[in-house]
Amino acid sequence: MKLKINGEIKIIDNSNEDFLLEGLLEHLGYKPQLVVVELNGEIISPKFWISTKVKHGDCLEVVTIVGGGSYS
């Protein structure tokens, strides 16, 4: 399956079938509790990841939430 993820074209092996968004994120190594996902221009709530299909040609933006910093 060919996807555009964060602006880069990626080929996902082992699939002529659709991935569910939750499984794809895990396959790509993302920690689901630390990301926000946009699929084809629409932000997808985590509660829908388990039922949202990702298809050949889809465009994903995955933003990782990062904490930290300090004030001086």
PDB file of N, CA and C in Angstrom:
ATOM      1  N   MET A   1       0.848  -1.163   0.000  1.00  0.00           N
ATOM      2  CA  MET A   1       0.000   0.000   0.000  1.00  0.00           C
ATOM      3  C   MET A   1       0.899   1.234   0.000  1.00  0.00           C
ATOM      4  N   LYS A   2       0.563   2.215  -0.800  1.00  0.00           N
ATOM      5  CA  LYS A   2       1.321   3.464  -0.908  1.00  0.00           C
ATOM      6  C   LYS A   2       0.550   4.553  -0.171  1.00  0.00           C
ATOM      7  N   LEU A   3       1.224   5.204   0.792  1.00  0.00           N
ATOM      8  CA  LEU A   3       0.630   6.277   1.584  1.00  0.00           C
ATOM      9  C   LEU A   3       1.561   7.475   1.610  1.00  0.00           C
ATOM     10  N   LYS A   4       0.997   8.640   1.841  1.00  0.00           N
ATOM     11  CA  LYS A   4       1.804   9.829   2.087  1.00  0.00           C
ATOM     12  C   LYS A   4       1.697  10.113   3.581  1.00  0.00           C
ATOM     13  N   ILE A   5       2.833   9.991   4.272  1.00  0.00           N
ATOM     14  CA  ILE A   5       2.857  10.175   5.721  1.00  0.00           C
ATOM     15  C   ILE A   5       3.823  11.296   6.051  1.00  0.00           C
ATOM     16  N   ASN A   6       3.287  12.351   6.658  1.00  0.00           N
ATOM     17  CA  ASN A   6       4.088  13.536   7.009  1.00  0.00           C
ATOM     18  C   ASN A   6       4.887  14.047   5.820  1.00  0.00           C
ATOM     19  N   GLY A   7       4.241  14.076   4.667  1.00  0.00           N
ATOM     20  CA  GLY A   7       4.846  14.642   3.465  1.00  0.00           C
ATOM     21  C   GLY A   7       5.726  13.698   2.665  1.00  0.00           C
ATOM     22  N   GLU A   8       5.954  12.485   3.162  1.00  0.00           N
ATOM     23  CA  GLU A   8       6.804  11.521   2.465  1.00  0.00           C
ATOM     24  C   GLU A   8       5.976  10.346   1.968  1.00  0.00           C
ATOM     25  N   ILE A   9       6.267   9.889   0.764  1.00  0.00           N
ATOM     26  CA  ILE A   9       5.606   8.707   0.228  1.00  0.00           C
ATOM     27  C   ILE A   9       6.224   7.479   0.885  1.00  0.00           C
ATOM     28  N   LYS A  10       5.380   6.633   1.437  1.00  0.00           N
ATOM     29  CA  LYS A  10       5.850   5.398   2.075  1.00  0.00           C
ATOM     30  C   LYS A  10       5.098   4.222   1.482  1.00  0.00           C
ATOM     31  N   ILE A  11       5.807   3.129   1.313  1.00  0.00           N
ATOM     32  CA  ILE A  11       5.206   1.881   0.871  1.00  0.00           C
ATOM     33  C   ILE A  11       5.107   0.983   2.098  1.00  0.00           C
ATOM     34  N   ILE A  12       3.887   0.561   2.402  1.00  0.00           N
ATOM     35  CA  ILE A  12       3.657  -0.318   3.540  1.00  0.00           C
ATOM     36  C   ILE A  12       3.584  -1.745   3.017  1.00  0.00           C
ATOM     37  N   ASP A  13       4.531  -2.575   3.438  1.00  0.00           N
ATOM     38  CA  ASP A  13       4.590  -3.959   2.984  1.00  0.00           C
ATOM     39  C   ASP A  13       3.471  -4.779   3.595  1.00  0.00           C
ATOM     40  N   ASN A  14       3.297  -5.961   3.015  1.00  0.00           N
ATOM     41  CA  ASN A  14       2.432  -6.976   3.580  1.00  0.00           C
ATOM     42  C   ASN A  14       0.979  -6.563   3.522  1.00  0.00           C
ATOM     43  N   SER A  15       0.579  -5.835   2.464  1.00  0.00           N
ATOM     44  CA  SER A  15      -0.809  -5.462   2.499  1.00  0.00           C
ATOM     45  C   SER A  15      -1.392  -5.122   1.148  1.00  0.00           C
ATOM     46  N   ASN A  16      -2.281  -5.958   0.754  1.00  0.00           N
ATOM     47  CA  ASN A  16      -3.189  -5.631  -0.337  1.00  0.00           C
ATOM     48  C   ASN A  16      -4.518  -5.257   0.285  1.00  0.00           C
ATOM     49  N   GLU A  17      -4.607  -5.424   1.585  1.00  0.00           N
ATOM     50  CA  GLU A  17      -5.835  -5.114   2.287  1.00  0.00           C
ATOM     51  C   GLU A  17      -5.675  -3.804   3.051  1.00  0.00           C
ATOM     52  N   ASP A  18      -6.794  -3.268   3.501  1.00  0.00           N
ATOM     53  CA  ASP A  18      -6.774  -2.013   4.240  1.00  0.00           C
ATOM     54  C   ASP A  18      -6.260  -2.233   5.663  1.00  0.00           C
ATOM     55  N   PHE A  19      -5.577  -1.234   6.184  1.00  0.00           N
ATOM     56  CA  PHE A  19      -5.180  -1.200   7.585  1.00  0.00           C
ATOM     57  C   PHE A  19      -6.229  -0.404   8.333  1.00  0.00           C
ATOM     58  N   LEU A  20      -6.451  -0.742   9.587  1.00  0.00           N
ATOM     59  CA  LEU A  20      -7.183   0.158  10.467  1.00  0.00           C
ATOM     60  C   LEU A  20      -6.152   1.146  10.996  1.00  0.00           C
ATOM     61  N   LEU A  21      -6.573   2.374  11.226  1.00  0.00           N
ATOM     62  CA  LEU A  21      -5.657   3.441  11.630  1.00  0.00           C
ATOM     63  C   LEU A  21      -4.856   3.057  12.871  1.00  0.00           C
ATOM     64  N   GLU A  22      -5.504   2.481  13.857  1.00  0.00           N
ATOM     65  CA  GLU A  22      -4.813   2.098  15.088  1.00  0.00           C
ATOM     66  C   GLU A  22      -3.681   1.108  14.798  1.00  0.00           C
ATOM     67  N   GLY A  23      -3.946   0.105  13.985  1.00  0.00           N
ATOM     68  CA  GLY A  23      -2.937  -0.883  13.636  1.00  0.00           C
ATOM     69  C   GLY A  23      -1.795  -0.287  12.823  1.00  0.00           C
ATOM     70  N   LEU A  24      -2.118   0.624  11.930  1.00  0.00           N
ATOM     71  CA  LEU A  24      -1.091   1.270  11.118  1.00  0.00           C
ATOM     72  C   LEU A  24      -0.152   2.096  11.990  1.00  0.00           C
ATOM     73  N   LEU A  25      -0.711   2.849  12.933  1.00  0.00           N
ATOM     74  CA  LEU A  25       0.125   3.653  13.830  1.00  0.00           C
ATOM     75  C   LEU A  25       1.081   2.764  14.623  1.00  0.00           C
ATOM     76  N   GLU A  26       0.571   1.641  15.110  1.00  0.00           N
ATOM     77  CA  GLU A  26       1.423   0.710  15.846  1.00  0.00           C
ATOM     78  C   GLU A  26       2.488   0.121  14.917  1.00  0.00           C
ATOM     79  N   HIS A  27       2.085  -0.243  13.698  1.00  0.00           N
ATOM     80  CA  HIS A  27       3.014  -0.787  12.701  1.00  0.00           C
ATOM     81  C   HIS A  27       4.153   0.201  12.414  1.00  0.00           C
ATOM     82  N   LEU A  28       3.832   1.481  12.407  1.00  0.00           N
ATOM     83  CA  LEU A  28       4.824   2.521  12.121  1.00  0.00           C
ATOM     84  C   LEU A  28       5.652   2.911  13.355  1.00  0.00           C
ATOM     85  N   GLY A  29       5.298   2.366  14.525  1.00  0.00           N
ATOM     86  CA  GLY A  29       6.076   2.618  15.733  1.00  0.00           C
ATOM     87  C   GLY A  29       5.636   3.813  16.557  1.00  0.00           C
ATOM     88  N   TYR A  30       4.478   4.371  16.267  1.00  0.00           N
ATOM     89  CA  TYR A  30       3.982   5.500  17.057  1.00  0.00           C
ATOM     90  C   TYR A  30       3.319   5.002  18.331  1.00  0.00           C
ATOM     91  N   LYS A  31       3.427   5.789  19.389  1.00  0.00           N
ATOM     92  CA  LYS A  31       2.727   5.495  20.635  1.00  0.00           C
ATOM     93  C   LYS A  31       1.398   6.240  20.578  1.00  0.00           C
ATOM     94  N   PRO A  32       0.291   5.514  20.464  1.00  0.00           N
ATOM     95  CA  PRO A  32      -1.009   6.151  20.236  1.00  0.00           C
ATOM     96  C   PRO A  32      -1.386   7.234  21.238  1.00  0.00           C
ATOM     97  N   GLN A  33      -0.959   7.112  22.489  1.00  0.00           N
ATOM     98  CA  GLN A  33      -1.335   8.119  23.488  1.00  0.00           C
ATOM     99  C   GLN A  33      -0.571   9.429  23.314  1.00  0.00           C
ATOM    100  N   LEU A  34       0.424   9.446  22.403  1.00  0.00           N
ATOM    101  CA  LEU A  34       1.255  10.640  22.243  1.00  0.00           C
ATOM    102  C   LEU A  34       1.157  11.282  20.866  1.00  0.00           C
ATOM    103  N   VAL A  35       0.123  10.944  20.085  1.00  0.00           N
ATOM    104  CA  VAL A  35       0.026  11.514  18.742  1.00  0.00           C
ATOM    105  C   VAL A  35      -1.366  12.069  18.456  1.00  0.00           C
ATOM    106  N   VAL A  36      -1.383  12.996  17.515  1.00  0.00           N
ATOM    107  CA  VAL A  36      -2.617  13.514  16.922  1.00  0.00           C
ATOM    108  C   VAL A  36      -2.533  13.149  15.444  1.00  0.00           C
ATOM    109  N   VAL A  37      -3.642  12.655  14.885  1.00  0.00           N
ATOM    110  CA  VAL A  37      -3.620  12.157  13.512  1.00  0.00           C
ATOM    111  C   VAL A  37      -4.631  12.885  12.644  1.00  0.00           C
ATOM    112  N   GLU A  38      -4.142  13.323  11.484  1.00  0.00           N
ATOM    113  CA  GLU A  38      -4.993  13.909  10.451  1.00  0.00           C
ATOM    114  C   GLU A  38      -4.965  12.948   9.262  1.00  0.00           C
ATOM    115  N   LEU A  39      -6.143  12.547   8.804  1.00  0.00           N
ATOM    116  CA  LEU A  39      -6.263  11.638   7.667  1.00  0.00           C
ATOM    117  C   LEU A  39      -7.010  12.359   6.562  1.00  0.00           C
ATOM    118  N   ASN A  40      -6.337  12.569   5.447  1.00  0.00           N
ATOM    119  CA  ASN A  40      -6.930  13.262   4.292  1.00  0.00           C
ATOM    120  C   ASN A  40      -7.567  14.597   4.687  1.00  0.00           C
ATOM    121  N   GLY A  41      -6.841  15.357   5.541  1.00  0.00           N
ATOM    122  CA  GLY A  41      -7.285  16.696   5.903  1.00  0.00           C
ATOM    123  C   GLY A  41      -8.248  16.772   7.069  1.00  0.00           C
ATOM    124  N   GLU A  42      -8.574  15.634   7.695  1.00  0.00           N
ATOM    125  CA  GLU A  42      -9.526  15.624   8.810  1.00  0.00           C
ATOM    126  C   GLU A  42      -8.874  15.003  10.037  1.00  0.00           C
ATOM    127  N   ILE A  43      -8.923  15.718  11.174  1.00  0.00           N
ATOM    128  CA  ILE A  43      -8.378  15.171  12.417  1.00  0.00           C
ATOM    129  C   ILE A  43      -9.303  14.051  12.880  1.00  0.00           C
ATOM    130  N   ILE A  44      -8.701  12.902  13.201  1.00  0.00           N
ATOM    131  CA  ILE A  44      -9.466  11.733  13.610  1.00  0.00           C
ATOM    132  C   ILE A  44      -9.315  11.544  15.120  1.00  0.00           C
ATOM    133  N   SER A  45     -10.437  11.524  15.825  1.00  0.00           N
ATOM    134  CA  SER A  45     -10.433  11.304  17.271  1.00  0.00           C
ATOM    135  C   SER A  45      -9.927   9.894  17.564  1.00  0.00           C
ATOM    136  N   PRO A  46      -9.101   9.736  18.607  1.00  0.00           N
ATOM    137  CA  PRO A  46      -8.572   8.411  18.938  1.00  0.00           C
ATOM    138  C   PRO A  46      -9.651   7.343  19.114  1.00  0.00           C
ATOM    139  N   LYS A  47     -10.829   7.714  19.553  1.00  0.00           N
ATOM    140  CA  LYS A  47     -11.874   6.701  19.752  1.00  0.00           C
ATOM    141  C   LYS A  47     -12.338   6.083  18.427  1.00  0.00           C
ATOM    142  N   PHE A  48     -12.023   6.731  17.297  1.00  0.00           N
ATOM    143  CA  PHE A  48     -12.406   6.199  15.995  1.00  0.00           C
ATOM    144  C   PHE A  48     -11.261   5.482  15.273  1.00  0.00           C
ATOM    145  N   TRP A  49     -10.060   5.469  15.857  1.00  0.00           N
ATOM    146  CA  TRP A  49      -8.914   4.841  15.204  1.00  0.00           C
ATOM    147  C   TRP A  49      -9.148   3.362  14.952  1.00  0.00           C
ATOM    148  N   ILE A  50      -9.839   2.696  15.866  1.00  0.00           N
ATOM    149  CA  ILE A  50     -10.042   1.257  15.748  1.00  0.00           C
ATOM    150  C   ILE A  50     -10.980   0.887  14.599  1.00  0.00           C
ATOM    151  N   SER A  51     -11.760   1.854  14.128  1.00  0.00           N
ATOM    152  CA  SER A  51     -12.717   1.560  13.055  1.00  0.00           C
ATOM    153  C   SER A  51     -12.452   2.340  11.769  1.00  0.00           C
ATOM    154  N   THR A  52     -11.415   3.181  11.759  1.00  0.00           N
ATOM    155  CA  THR A  52     -11.098   3.990  10.578  1.00  0.00           C
ATOM    156  C   THR A  52     -10.135   3.241   9.672  1.00  0.00           C
ATOM    157  N   LYS A  53     -10.559   2.980   8.431  1.00  0.00           N
ATOM    158  CA  LYS A  53      -9.717   2.272   7.468  1.00  0.00           C
ATOM    159  C   LYS A  53      -8.800   3.254   6.745  1.00  0.00           C
ATOM    160  N   VAL A  54      -7.562   2.829   6.565  1.00  0.00           N
ATOM    161  CA  VAL A  54      -6.585   3.590   5.790  1.00  0.00           C
ATOM    162  C   VAL A  54      -6.408   2.836   4.480  1.00  0.00           C
ATOM    163  N   LYS A  55      -6.561   3.559   3.377  1.00  0.00           N
ATOM    164  CA  LYS A  55      -6.532   2.921   2.060  1.00  0.00           C
ATOM    165  C   LYS A  55      -5.345   3.420   1.231  1.00  0.00           C
ATOM    166  N   HIS A  56      -5.010   2.645   0.225  1.00  0.00           N
ATOM    167  CA  HIS A  56      -3.961   3.011  -0.725  1.00  0.00           C
ATOM    168  C   HIS A  56      -4.193   4.441  -1.214  1.00  0.00           C
ATOM    169  N   GLY A  57      -3.147   5.270  -1.157  1.00  0.00           N
ATOM    170  CA  GLY A  57      -3.227   6.636  -1.644  1.00  0.00           C
ATOM    171  C   GLY A  57      -3.632   7.666  -0.603  1.00  0.00           C
ATOM    172  N   ASP A  58      -3.977   7.217   0.612  1.00  0.00           N
ATOM    173  CA  ASP A  58      -4.372   8.168   1.656  1.00  0.00           C
ATOM    174  C   ASP A  58      -3.187   9.019   2.095  1.00  0.00           C
ATOM    175  N   CYS A  59      -3.504  10.163   2.692  1.00  0.00           N
ATOM    176  CA  CYS A  59      -2.508  11.108   3.186  1.00  0.00           C
ATOM    177  C   CYS A  59      -2.693  11.277   4.691  1.00  0.00           C
ATOM    178  N   LEU A  60      -1.642  10.991   5.442  1.00  0.00           N
ATOM    179  CA  LEU A  60      -1.682  11.127   6.897  1.00  0.00           C
ATOM    180  C   LEU A  60      -0.664  12.149   7.371  1.00  0.00           C
ATOM    181  N   GLU A  61      -1.055  12.901   8.359  1.00  0.00           N
ATOM    182  CA  GLU A  61      -0.131  13.757   9.102  1.00  0.00           C
ATOM    183  C   GLU A  61      -0.203  13.263  10.534  1.00  0.00           C
ATOM    184  N   VAL A  62       0.939  12.863  11.084  1.00  0.00           N
ATOM    185  CA  VAL A  62       0.997  12.359  12.451  1.00  0.00           C
ATOM    186  C   VAL A  62       1.895  13.303  13.242  1.00  0.00           C
ATOM    187  N   VAL A  63       1.311  13.937  14.248  1.00  0.00           N
ATOM    188  CA  VAL A  63       2.039  14.910  15.062  1.00  0.00           C
ATOM    189  C   VAL A  63       2.254  14.302  16.440  1.00  0.00           C
ATOM    190  N   THR A  64       3.513  14.244  16.855  1.00  0.00           N
ATOM    191  CA  THR A  64       3.857  13.696  18.164  1.00  0.00           C
ATOM    192  C   THR A  64       3.838  14.810  19.194  1.00  0.00           C
ATOM    193  N   ILE A  65       3.192  14.532  20.315  1.00  0.00           N
ATOM    194  CA  ILE A  65       3.116  15.492  21.417  1.00  0.00           C
ATOM    195  C   ILE A  65       4.382  15.335  22.257  1.00  0.00           C
ATOM    196  N   VAL A  66       5.073  16.458  22.492  1.00  0.00           N
ATOM    197  CA  VAL A  66       6.323  16.435  23.226  1.00  0.00           C
ATOM    198  C   VAL A  66       6.190  17.375  24.417  1.00  0.00           C
ATOM    199  N   GLY A  67       6.570  16.893  25.580  1.00  0.00           N
ATOM    200  CA  GLY A  67       6.530  17.738  26.774  1.00  0.00           C
ATOM    201  C   GLY A  67       7.941  18.137  27.170  1.00  0.00           C
ATOM    202  N   GLY A  68       8.022  18.991  28.149  1.00  0.00           N
ATOM    203  CA  GLY A  68       9.343  19.347  28.665  1.00  0.00           C
ATOM    204  C   GLY A  68       9.579  20.835  28.597  1.00  0.00           C
ATOM    205  N   GLY A  69      10.794  21.183  28.835  1.00  0.00           N
ATOM    206  CA  GLY A  69      11.172  22.589  28.832  1.00  0.00           C
ATOM    207  C   GLY A  69      11.385  23.082  30.247  1.00  0.00           C
ATOM    208  N   SER A  70      11.964  24.243  30.347  1.00  0.00           N
ATOM    209  CA  SER A  70      12.178  24.834  31.665  1.00  0.00           C
ATOM    210  C   SER A  70      12.228  26.348  31.535  1.00  0.00           C
ATOM    211  N   TYR A  71      11.950  26.977  32.623  1.00  0.00           N
ATOM    212  CA  TYR A  71      12.041  28.441  32.670  1.00  0.00           C
ATOM    213  C   TYR A  71      13.262  28.811  33.494  1.00  0.00           C
ATOM    214  N   SER A  72      13.969  29.820  33.052  1.00  0.00           N
ATOM    215  CA  SER A  72      15.151  30.260  33.811  1.00  0.00           C
ATOM    216  C   SER A  72      14.887  31.596  34.417  1.00  0.00           C
TER     217      SER A  72
END
